[in-house]
C-alpha atoms as a PDB file:
ATOM      1  CA  MET A   1      -4.286  -8.279 -13.719  1.00  0.00           C
ATOM      2  CA  SER A   2      -2.340  -4.521 -13.843  1.00  0.00           C
ATOM      3  CA  SER A   3       1.458  -5.432 -15.196  1.00  0.00           C
ATOM      4  CA  VAL A   4       2.853  -3.381 -12.550  1.00  0.00           C
ATOM      5  CA  THR A   5       1.754  -4.838  -9.408  1.00  0.00           C
ATOM      6  CA  LYS A   6      -0.395  -8.678  -8.453  1.00  0.00           C
ATOM      7  CA  LEU A   7      -3.515  -7.103  -7.546  1.00  0.00           C
ATOM      8  CA  PRO A   8      -6.539  -7.694  -9.944  1.00  0.00           C
ATOM      9  CA  ASP A   9      -7.402  -4.622 -11.796  1.00  0.00           C
ATOM     10  CA  ARG A  10     -10.830  -4.840  -9.954  1.00  0.00           C
ATOM     11  CA  VAL A  11      -9.238  -4.121  -6.782  1.00  0.00           C
ATOM     12  CA  VAL A  12      -7.082  -1.486  -7.888  1.00  0.00           C
ATOM     13  CA  ASP A  13      -9.856   0.082  -9.441  1.00  0.00           C
ATOM     14  CA  GLU A  14     -11.670   0.470  -5.942  1.00  0.00           C
ATOM     15  CA  LEU A  15      -9.145   1.599  -4.069  1.00  0.00           C
ATOM     16  CA  THR A  16      -8.420   4.176  -6.836  1.00  0.00           C
ATOM     17  CA  ALA A  17     -11.888   5.425  -6.392  1.00  0.00           C
ATOM     18  CA  VAL A  18     -11.165   6.216  -2.991  1.00  0.00           C
ATOM     19  CA  VAL A  19      -7.962   7.893  -3.104  1.00  0.00           C
ATOM     20  CA  ALA A  20      -7.842   8.529  -7.042  1.00  0.00           C
ATOM     21  CA  GLU A  21      -4.215   9.911  -8.457  1.00  0.00           C
ATOM     22  CA  ARG A  22      -3.000   9.079  -4.764  1.00  0.00           C
ATOM     23  CA  LEU A  23      -3.313   5.348  -4.877  1.00  0.00           C
ATOM     24  CA  VAL A  24       0.531   5.046  -6.928  1.00  0.00           C
ATOM     25  CA  LEU A  25       1.780   1.958  -8.386  1.00  0.00           C
ATOM     26  CA  SER A  26       5.050   2.792  -9.472  1.00  0.00           C
ATOM     27  CA  ARG A  27       7.735   1.126  -8.801  1.00  0.00           C
ATOM     28  CA  ALA A  28      10.165   3.686  -7.654  1.00  0.00           C
ATOM     29  CA  VAL A  29       7.616   4.457  -4.526  1.00  0.00           C
ATOM     30  CA  ARG A  30       6.395   0.628  -3.844  1.00  0.00           C
ATOM     31  CA  ASP A  31      10.210   0.131  -3.643  1.00  0.00           C
ATOM     32  CA  HIS A  32      10.739   3.316  -0.985  1.00  0.00           C
ATOM     33  CA  HIS A  33       7.623   1.688   0.713  1.00  0.00           C
ATOM     34  CA  GLY A  34       9.254  -2.314   0.759  1.00  0.00           C
ATOM     35  CA  ARG A  35      12.395  -0.917   2.496  1.00  0.00           C
ATOM     36  CA  ASP A  36      13.067  -0.306   6.500  1.00  0.00           C
ATOM     37  CA  GLU A  37      15.824  -0.619   8.890  1.00  0.00           C
ATOM     38  CA  SER A  38      15.681  -5.068   8.986  1.00  0.00           C
ATOM     39  CA  PRO A  39      18.199  -7.058   7.673  1.00  0.00           C
ATOM     40  CA  LEU A  40      15.981  -8.656   5.461  1.00  0.00           C
ATOM     41  CA  PRO A  41      15.947  -8.602   1.600  1.00  0.00           C
ATOM     42  CA  PRO A  42      13.532  -5.427   0.468  1.00  0.00           C
ATOM     43  CA  ALA A  43       9.932  -6.681  -0.141  1.00  0.00           C
ATOM     44  CA  ALA A  44       7.997  -4.224  -2.375  1.00  0.00           C
ATOM     45  CA  PRO A  45       4.338  -3.807  -1.799  1.00  0.00           C
ATOM     46  CA  ASP A  46       1.672  -4.314  -4.229  1.00  0.00           C
ATOM     47  CA  ALA A  47       0.507  -0.626  -4.074  1.00  0.00           C
ATOM     48  CA  VAL A  48       0.957   2.524  -2.138  1.00  0.00           C
ATOM     49  CA  ALA A  49      -2.606   4.809  -0.918  1.00  0.00           C
ATOM     50  CA  PHE A  50      -1.445   8.135   0.773  1.00  0.00           C
ATOM     51  CA  PRO A  51      -5.254   8.665   2.443  1.00  0.00           C
ATOM     52  CA  GLU A  52      -5.836  11.791   3.699  1.00  0.00           C
ATOM     53  CA  SER A  53      -8.887  11.391   6.101  1.00  0.00           C
ATOM     54  CA  THR A  54     -10.556   8.920   8.624  1.00  0.00           C
ATOM     55  CA  GLU A  55     -12.597   8.308   6.371  1.00  0.00           C
ATOM     56  CA  GLU A  56     -10.736   7.454   3.934  1.00  0.00           C
ATOM     57  CA  VAL A  57      -8.319   4.908   5.653  1.00  0.00           C
ATOM     58  CA  ALA A  58     -11.647   2.928   6.412  1.00  0.00           C
ATOM     59  CA  ALA A  59     -12.881   2.953   3.409  1.00  0.00           C
ATOM     60  CA  LEU A  60      -9.289   1.744   2.044  1.00  0.00           C
ATOM     61  CA  LEU A  61      -9.112  -0.702   5.005  1.00  0.00           C
ATOM     62  CA  ASP A  62     -12.752  -1.844   3.709  1.00  0.00           C
ATOM     63  CA  VAL A  63     -12.001  -2.384   0.266  1.00  0.00           C
ATOM     64  CA  CYS A  64      -9.126  -4.603   1.341  1.00  0.00           C
ATOM     65  CA  SER A  65     -10.529  -6.616   3.333  1.00  0.00           C
ATOM     66  CA  ARG A  66     -13.450  -7.580   1.063  1.00  0.00           C
ATOM     67  CA  TRP A  67     -10.595  -8.803  -0.984  1.00  0.00           C
ATOM     68  CA  ARG A  68      -8.384 -10.308   1.262  1.00  0.00           C
ATOM     69  CA  VAL A  69      -5.584  -8.005   0.310  1.00  0.00           C
ATOM     70  CA  PRO A  70      -2.815  -7.625   3.971  1.00  0.00           C
ATOM     71  CA  VAL A  71      -2.477  -3.851   4.699  1.00  0.00           C
ATOM     72  CA  VAL A  72       1.004  -2.331   6.179  1.00  0.00           C
ATOM     73  CA  PRO A  73       0.993   0.946   7.648  1.00  0.00           C
ATOM     74  CA  PHE A  74       3.833   3.047   6.603  1.00  0.00           C
ATOM     75  CA  GLY A  75       5.363   6.048   8.716  1.00  0.00           C
ATOM     76  CA  ALA A  76       8.908   6.757   8.613  1.00  0.00           C
ATOM     77  CA  GLY A  77      10.252   3.443   6.843  1.00  0.00           C
ATOM     78  CA  THR A  78      12.219   2.723  10.027  1.00  0.00           C
ATOM     79  CA  SER A  79      10.457  -0.704  11.014  1.00  0.00           C
ATOM     80  CA  LEU A  80      13.136  -3.468  12.343  1.00  0.00           C
ATOM     81  CA  GLU A  81      10.979  -6.325  11.207  1.00  0.00           C
ATOM     82  CA  GLY A  82      10.871  -6.215   7.735  1.00  0.00           C
ATOM     83  CA  HIS A  83       6.868  -6.416   7.442  1.00  0.00           C
ATOM     84  CA  VAL A  84       6.237  -5.966   3.873  1.00  0.00           C
ATOM     85  CA  TYR A  85       5.451  -8.697   1.846  1.00  0.00           C
ATOM     86  CA  GLY A  86       2.713  -7.296  -0.905  1.00  0.00           C
ATOM     87  CA  GLY A  87      -0.497  -6.479  -0.481  1.00  0.00           C
ATOM     88  CA  LEU A  88      -1.047  -2.108  -0.129  1.00  0.00           C
ATOM     89  CA  SER A  89       1.330   0.116   2.209  1.00  0.00           C
ATOM     90  CA  LEU A  90      -1.008   2.211   3.683  1.00  0.00           C
ATOM     91  CA  ASP A  91       1.291   5.760   3.736  1.00  0.00           C
ATOM     92  CA  LEU A  92       0.048   7.689   7.172  1.00  0.00           C
ATOM     93  CA  SER A  93       2.150  10.365   6.462  1.00  0.00           C
ATOM     94  CA  ARG A  94      -0.492  12.775   4.834  1.00  0.00           C
ATOM     95  CA  GLY A  95      -3.268  11.971   7.255  1.00  0.00           C
END
């Protein structure tokens, strides 16, 4: 297991193969993607991906589907539902 995420190393490797350095495991970025406008406490994802194409989104979703990793799309962080609970935050700001 990676020291900064609950995702198995193999999953991290497969996600990294899709988006390279645009898969981020740093605590600061994960914390940012775990906050929204809901009254619920923050819950950081295990990783954040910044895909730049439809093909990258599809490949990331394929990896997560095979490994049963939850995926939450992230736009501006204005959700009112508090829906991030681990898994992969799919930041769509670059697409």
